[in-house]
């Protein structure tokens, strides 16, 4: 399945910026290039995860209670193999189960 947008030039530009930030910027725990999963906008998330450059990050997110354990396991394996950080969006308990690298907490959700 192909993305509904042209990733080639945008991804290349982002990868170049990310590489420059890594090379010249201060040490940062969160990657300078982050792909945010969205079921409707990134239906080909596994393919995109495989194309992310080393040192970037992927945030897998679903609506509360809709996480797909099998997909999350595959994404965890892909990101580990490619040197990409793997975060779970909005669900610290699921992040713990999947042994993600971190959690992305949406603004305003946890006050």
N, C-alpha and C. Protein backbone atom coordinates (compact mmCIF):
# COMPACT_ATOMS: atom_id res chain seq x y z
N UNK A 1 0.85 -1.17 0.00
CA UNK A 1 0.00 0.00 0.00
C UNK A 1 0.89 1.23 0.00
N UNK A 2 0.55 2.20 -0.81
CA UNK A 2 1.35 3.42 -0.84
C UNK A 2 0.67 4.51 -0.04
N UNK A 3 1.50 5.42 0.44
CA UNK A 3 0.97 6.52 1.24
C UNK A 3 0.18 7.46 0.35
N UNK A 4 -0.80 8.18 0.91
CA UNK A 4 -1.59 9.10 0.09
C UNK A 4 -0.86 10.42 -0.17
N UNK A 5 0.45 10.44 0.01
CA UNK A 5 1.25 11.63 -0.19
C UNK A 5 2.63 11.19 -0.65
N UNK A 6 3.35 12.11 -1.26
CA UNK A 6 4.69 11.80 -1.76
C UNK A 6 5.69 11.94 -0.63
N UNK A 7 6.20 10.79 -0.16
CA UNK A 7 7.15 10.79 0.95
C UNK A 7 8.58 11.03 0.50
N UNK A 8 8.88 10.79 -0.77
CA UNK A 8 10.27 10.76 -1.19
C UNK A 8 11.01 12.07 -0.93
N UNK A 9 10.53 13.18 -1.43
CA UNK A 9 11.26 14.43 -1.26
C UNK A 9 11.13 14.96 0.17
N UNK A 10 9.96 14.84 0.76
CA UNK A 10 9.78 15.32 2.13
C UNK A 10 10.63 14.52 3.10
N UNK A 11 10.64 13.20 2.96
CA UNK A 11 11.42 12.35 3.85
C UNK A 11 12.91 12.62 3.67
N UNK A 12 13.35 12.78 2.44
CA UNK A 12 14.77 13.07 2.19
C UNK A 12 15.17 14.38 2.86
N UNK A 13 14.36 15.41 2.73
CA UNK A 13 14.67 16.70 3.35
C UNK A 13 14.72 16.58 4.87
N UNK A 14 13.74 15.87 5.45
CA UNK A 14 13.71 15.69 6.89
C UNK A 14 14.91 14.88 7.37
N UNK A 15 15.30 13.88 6.60
CA UNK A 15 16.45 13.07 6.97
C UNK A 15 17.73 13.92 6.97
N UNK A 16 17.85 14.81 6.00
CA UNK A 16 19.03 15.68 5.94
C UNK A 16 19.07 16.63 7.14
N UNK A 17 17.94 17.21 7.49
CA UNK A 17 17.88 18.10 8.65
C UNK A 17 18.19 17.33 9.93
N UNK A 18 17.61 16.14 10.06
CA UNK A 18 17.86 15.32 11.25
C UNK A 18 19.34 14.98 11.38
N UNK A 19 19.98 14.65 10.27
CA UNK A 19 21.42 14.33 10.31
C UNK A 19 22.24 15.54 10.74
N UNK A 20 21.88 16.71 10.25
CA UNK A 20 22.60 17.93 10.64
C UNK A 20 22.41 18.23 12.12
N UNK A 21 21.19 18.07 12.61
CA UNK A 21 20.93 18.33 14.03
C UNK A 21 21.70 17.35 14.91
N UNK A 22 21.73 16.08 14.51
CA UNK A 22 22.48 15.09 15.29
C UNK A 22 23.96 15.42 15.31
N UNK A 23 24.49 15.89 14.19
CA UNK A 23 25.92 16.14 14.07
C UNK A 23 26.36 17.41 14.79
N UNK A 24 25.50 18.42 14.83
CA UNK A 24 25.93 19.72 15.36
C UNK A 24 25.23 20.15 16.63
N UNK A 25 24.09 19.56 16.91
CA UNK A 25 23.30 20.01 18.06
C UNK A 25 23.74 19.36 19.35
N UNK A 26 23.20 19.86 20.45
CA UNK A 26 23.50 19.25 21.76
C UNK A 26 22.88 17.86 21.85
N UNK A 27 23.41 17.05 22.74
CA UNK A 27 22.87 15.71 22.93
C UNK A 27 21.40 15.81 23.30
N UNK A 28 20.60 14.96 22.71
CA UNK A 28 19.15 14.99 22.94
C UNK A 28 18.66 13.57 23.06
N UNK A 29 17.83 13.32 24.05
CA UNK A 29 17.32 11.97 24.22
C UNK A 29 16.26 11.63 23.19
N UNK A 30 15.45 12.59 22.78
CA UNK A 30 14.44 12.34 21.77
C UNK A 30 15.03 12.65 20.40
N UNK A 31 14.76 11.79 19.46
CA UNK A 31 15.30 11.94 18.11
C UNK A 31 14.83 13.25 17.47
N UNK A 32 15.66 13.83 16.61
CA UNK A 32 15.26 15.07 15.93
C UNK A 32 14.26 14.84 14.80
N UNK A 33 14.04 13.59 14.40
CA UNK A 33 13.05 13.26 13.38
C UNK A 33 12.09 12.24 13.99
N UNK A 34 10.81 12.60 14.05
CA UNK A 34 9.80 11.75 14.68
C UNK A 34 8.65 11.53 13.71
N UNK A 35 8.30 10.27 13.50
CA UNK A 35 7.13 9.92 12.70
C UNK A 35 6.00 9.56 13.65
N UNK A 36 4.88 10.26 13.53
CA UNK A 36 3.71 10.02 14.37
C UNK A 36 2.73 9.16 13.59
N UNK A 37 2.46 7.96 14.12
CA UNK A 37 1.50 7.05 13.48
C UNK A 37 0.09 7.61 13.60
N UNK A 38 -0.66 7.48 12.53
CA UNK A 38 -2.07 7.83 12.49
C UNK A 38 -2.72 6.81 11.56
N UNK A 39 -3.66 6.06 12.08
CA UNK A 39 -4.28 4.97 11.32
C UNK A 39 -4.75 5.41 9.94
N UNK A 40 -5.29 6.62 9.82
CA UNK A 40 -5.82 7.09 8.54
C UNK A 40 -4.76 7.68 7.63
N UNK A 41 -3.75 8.31 8.19
CA UNK A 41 -2.74 8.98 7.37
C UNK A 41 -1.50 8.13 7.10
N UNK A 42 -1.26 7.13 7.93
CA UNK A 42 -0.09 6.26 7.74
C UNK A 42 -0.51 4.79 7.82
N UNK A 43 -1.35 4.37 6.87
CA UNK A 43 -1.80 2.98 6.90
C UNK A 43 -0.68 1.99 6.62
N UNK A 44 0.40 2.47 6.01
CA UNK A 44 1.55 1.62 5.69
C UNK A 44 2.68 1.82 6.70
N UNK A 45 2.33 1.85 7.98
CA UNK A 45 3.27 2.20 9.04
C UNK A 45 4.47 1.26 9.11
N UNK A 46 4.30 0.00 8.82
CA UNK A 46 5.44 -0.92 8.87
C UNK A 46 6.47 -0.57 7.79
N UNK A 47 5.99 -0.28 6.59
CA UNK A 47 6.90 0.11 5.51
C UNK A 47 7.61 1.42 5.85
N UNK A 48 6.86 2.38 6.37
CA UNK A 48 7.47 3.66 6.75
C UNK A 48 8.49 3.46 7.86
N UNK A 49 8.18 2.61 8.83
CA UNK A 49 9.11 2.35 9.93
C UNK A 49 10.43 1.79 9.40
N UNK A 50 10.36 0.94 8.39
CA UNK A 50 11.58 0.36 7.82
C UNK A 50 12.42 1.40 7.08
N UNK A 51 11.79 2.48 6.64
CA UNK A 51 12.49 3.52 5.89
C UNK A 51 13.04 4.64 6.77
N UNK A 52 12.66 4.66 8.04
CA UNK A 52 13.15 5.71 8.92
C UNK A 52 14.66 5.56 9.11
N UNK A 53 15.37 6.67 9.13
CA UNK A 53 16.82 6.59 9.32
C UNK A 53 17.18 6.29 10.77
N UNK A 54 18.31 5.67 10.95
CA UNK A 54 18.83 5.41 12.29
C UNK A 54 18.88 6.71 13.07
N UNK A 55 18.49 6.65 14.33
CA UNK A 55 18.50 7.84 15.18
C UNK A 55 17.20 8.61 15.17
N UNK A 56 16.21 8.17 14.39
CA UNK A 56 14.91 8.83 14.39
C UNK A 56 13.98 8.11 15.37
N UNK A 57 12.71 8.50 15.39
CA UNK A 57 11.76 7.90 16.33
C UNK A 57 10.41 7.67 15.66
N UNK A 58 9.71 6.68 16.16
CA UNK A 58 8.36 6.37 15.71
C UNK A 58 7.45 6.37 16.92
N UNK A 59 6.35 7.12 16.83
CA UNK A 59 5.35 7.10 17.88
C UNK A 59 4.14 6.36 17.34
N UNK A 60 3.86 5.19 17.94
CA UNK A 60 2.69 4.39 17.57
C UNK A 60 1.54 4.80 18.47
N UNK A 61 0.45 5.23 17.84
CA UNK A 61 -0.69 5.65 18.66
C UNK A 61 -1.99 5.14 18.06
N UNK A 62 -2.87 4.84 18.94
CA UNK A 62 -4.23 4.42 18.60
C UNK A 62 -5.16 5.06 19.61
N UNK A 63 -6.44 4.98 19.33
CA UNK A 63 -7.40 5.43 20.32
C UNK A 63 -7.28 4.52 21.54
N UNK A 64 -7.56 5.07 22.69
CA UNK A 64 -7.43 4.30 23.93
C UNK A 64 -8.14 2.95 23.82
N UNK A 65 -7.42 1.91 24.18
CA UNK A 65 -7.98 0.58 24.16
C UNK A 65 -7.98 -0.10 22.80
N UNK A 66 -7.46 0.55 21.76
CA UNK A 66 -7.47 -0.03 20.41
C UNK A 66 -6.09 -0.44 19.93
N UNK A 67 -5.10 -0.45 20.81
CA UNK A 67 -3.76 -0.84 20.39
C UNK A 67 -3.77 -2.27 19.87
N UNK A 68 -3.02 -2.49 18.82
CA UNK A 68 -2.89 -3.80 18.20
C UNK A 68 -1.56 -4.39 18.67
N UNK A 69 -1.62 -5.36 19.57
CA UNK A 69 -0.42 -5.95 20.17
C UNK A 69 0.50 -6.54 19.11
N UNK A 70 -0.06 -7.25 18.13
CA UNK A 70 0.76 -7.87 17.09
C UNK A 70 1.48 -6.81 16.26
N UNK A 71 0.78 -5.74 15.89
CA UNK A 71 1.40 -4.65 15.12
C UNK A 71 2.47 -3.96 15.96
N UNK A 72 2.17 -3.70 17.22
CA UNK A 72 3.15 -3.04 18.09
C UNK A 72 4.40 -3.91 18.25
N UNK A 73 4.23 -5.21 18.36
CA UNK A 73 5.38 -6.11 18.43
C UNK A 73 6.23 -6.03 17.16
N UNK A 74 5.58 -6.02 16.00
CA UNK A 74 6.32 -5.91 14.73
C UNK A 74 7.05 -4.58 14.64
N UNK A 75 6.37 -3.50 15.03
CA UNK A 75 7.01 -2.18 14.99
C UNK A 75 8.18 -2.11 15.95
N UNK A 76 8.05 -2.70 17.11
CA UNK A 76 9.15 -2.73 18.08
C UNK A 76 10.35 -3.45 17.48
N UNK A 77 10.10 -4.58 16.83
CA UNK A 77 11.19 -5.34 16.21
C UNK A 77 11.84 -4.54 15.07
N UNK A 78 11.03 -3.92 14.22
CA UNK A 78 11.55 -3.13 13.11
C UNK A 78 12.40 -1.97 13.63
N UNK A 79 11.88 -1.26 14.62
CA UNK A 79 12.62 -0.10 15.13
C UNK A 79 13.92 -0.52 15.80
N UNK A 80 13.89 -1.62 16.54
CA UNK A 80 15.13 -2.11 17.15
C UNK A 80 16.16 -2.45 16.08
N UNK A 81 15.73 -3.12 15.02
CA UNK A 81 16.63 -3.53 13.94
C UNK A 81 17.22 -2.33 13.20
N UNK A 82 16.50 -1.21 13.17
CA UNK A 82 16.93 -0.04 12.40
C UNK A 82 17.49 1.09 13.26
N UNK A 83 17.64 0.88 14.57
CA UNK A 83 18.17 1.93 15.42
C UNK A 83 17.25 3.12 15.57
N UNK A 84 15.95 2.85 15.63
CA UNK A 84 14.92 3.89 15.73
C UNK A 84 14.26 3.78 17.09
N UNK A 85 14.04 4.92 17.75
CA UNK A 85 13.33 4.92 19.03
C UNK A 85 11.87 4.55 18.78
N UNK A 86 11.28 3.83 19.73
CA UNK A 86 9.88 3.41 19.60
C UNK A 86 9.11 3.88 20.82
N UNK A 87 8.14 4.75 20.59
CA UNK A 87 7.31 5.27 21.67
C UNK A 87 5.86 4.90 21.43
N UNK A 88 5.13 4.80 22.53
CA UNK A 88 3.69 4.53 22.47
C UNK A 88 2.97 5.82 22.83
N UNK A 89 1.97 6.17 22.05
CA UNK A 89 1.21 7.38 22.29
C UNK A 89 0.10 7.19 23.29
N UNK A 90 0.17 7.98 24.38
CA UNK A 90 -0.93 8.11 25.31
C UNK A 90 -1.29 6.95 26.21
N UNK A 91 -0.47 5.92 26.25
CA UNK A 91 -0.85 4.75 27.04
C UNK A 91 0.37 4.17 27.76
N UNK A 92 0.72 4.73 28.92
CA UNK A 92 1.90 4.25 29.65
C UNK A 92 1.86 2.77 29.98
N UNK A 93 0.69 2.23 30.30
CA UNK A 93 0.59 0.80 30.64
C UNK A 93 0.93 -0.06 29.42
N UNK A 94 0.42 0.31 28.24
CA UNK A 94 0.73 -0.44 27.03
C UNK A 94 2.21 -0.29 26.68
N UNK A 95 2.76 0.88 26.88
CA UNK A 95 4.19 1.09 26.63
C UNK A 95 5.03 0.17 27.50
N UNK A 96 4.61 -0.03 28.71
CA UNK A 96 5.32 -0.92 29.63
C UNK A 96 5.22 -2.37 29.16
N UNK A 97 4.03 -2.78 28.75
CA UNK A 97 3.82 -4.14 28.27
C UNK A 97 4.69 -4.43 27.05
N UNK A 98 4.73 -3.48 26.13
CA UNK A 98 5.44 -3.68 24.87
C UNK A 98 6.94 -3.39 25.02
N UNK A 99 7.32 -2.84 26.19
CA UNK A 99 8.72 -2.46 26.46
C UNK A 99 9.21 -1.42 25.46
N UNK A 100 8.37 -0.42 25.26
CA UNK A 100 8.72 0.69 24.37
C UNK A 100 9.84 1.52 24.98
N UNK A 101 10.46 2.34 24.15
CA UNK A 101 11.52 3.22 24.62
C UNK A 101 10.98 4.41 25.40
N UNK A 102 9.69 4.68 25.23
CA UNK A 102 9.10 5.81 25.93
C UNK A 102 7.62 5.95 25.62
N UNK A 103 7.03 7.02 26.14
CA UNK A 103 5.61 7.31 25.98
C UNK A 103 5.46 8.75 25.52
N UNK A 104 4.57 8.97 24.59
CA UNK A 104 4.22 10.34 24.16
C UNK A 104 2.88 10.66 24.80
N UNK A 105 2.86 11.68 25.65
CA UNK A 105 1.62 12.08 26.32
C UNK A 105 1.05 13.31 25.63
N UNK A 106 -0.15 13.18 25.06
CA UNK A 106 -0.76 14.31 24.37
C UNK A 106 -1.01 15.49 25.31
N UNK A 107 -0.84 16.67 24.76
CA UNK A 107 -1.06 17.89 25.54
C UNK A 107 -2.50 17.95 26.03
N UNK A 108 -2.67 18.29 27.29
CA UNK A 108 -3.98 18.47 27.88
C UNK A 108 -4.67 17.21 28.33
N UNK A 109 -4.13 16.08 28.00
CA UNK A 109 -4.79 14.82 28.36
C UNK A 109 -4.55 14.43 29.81
N UNK A 110 -3.37 14.72 30.30
CA UNK A 110 -2.99 14.36 31.68
C UNK A 110 -2.73 15.63 32.46
N UNK A 111 -3.75 16.15 33.10
CA UNK A 111 -3.61 17.40 33.85
C UNK A 111 -3.51 17.11 35.32
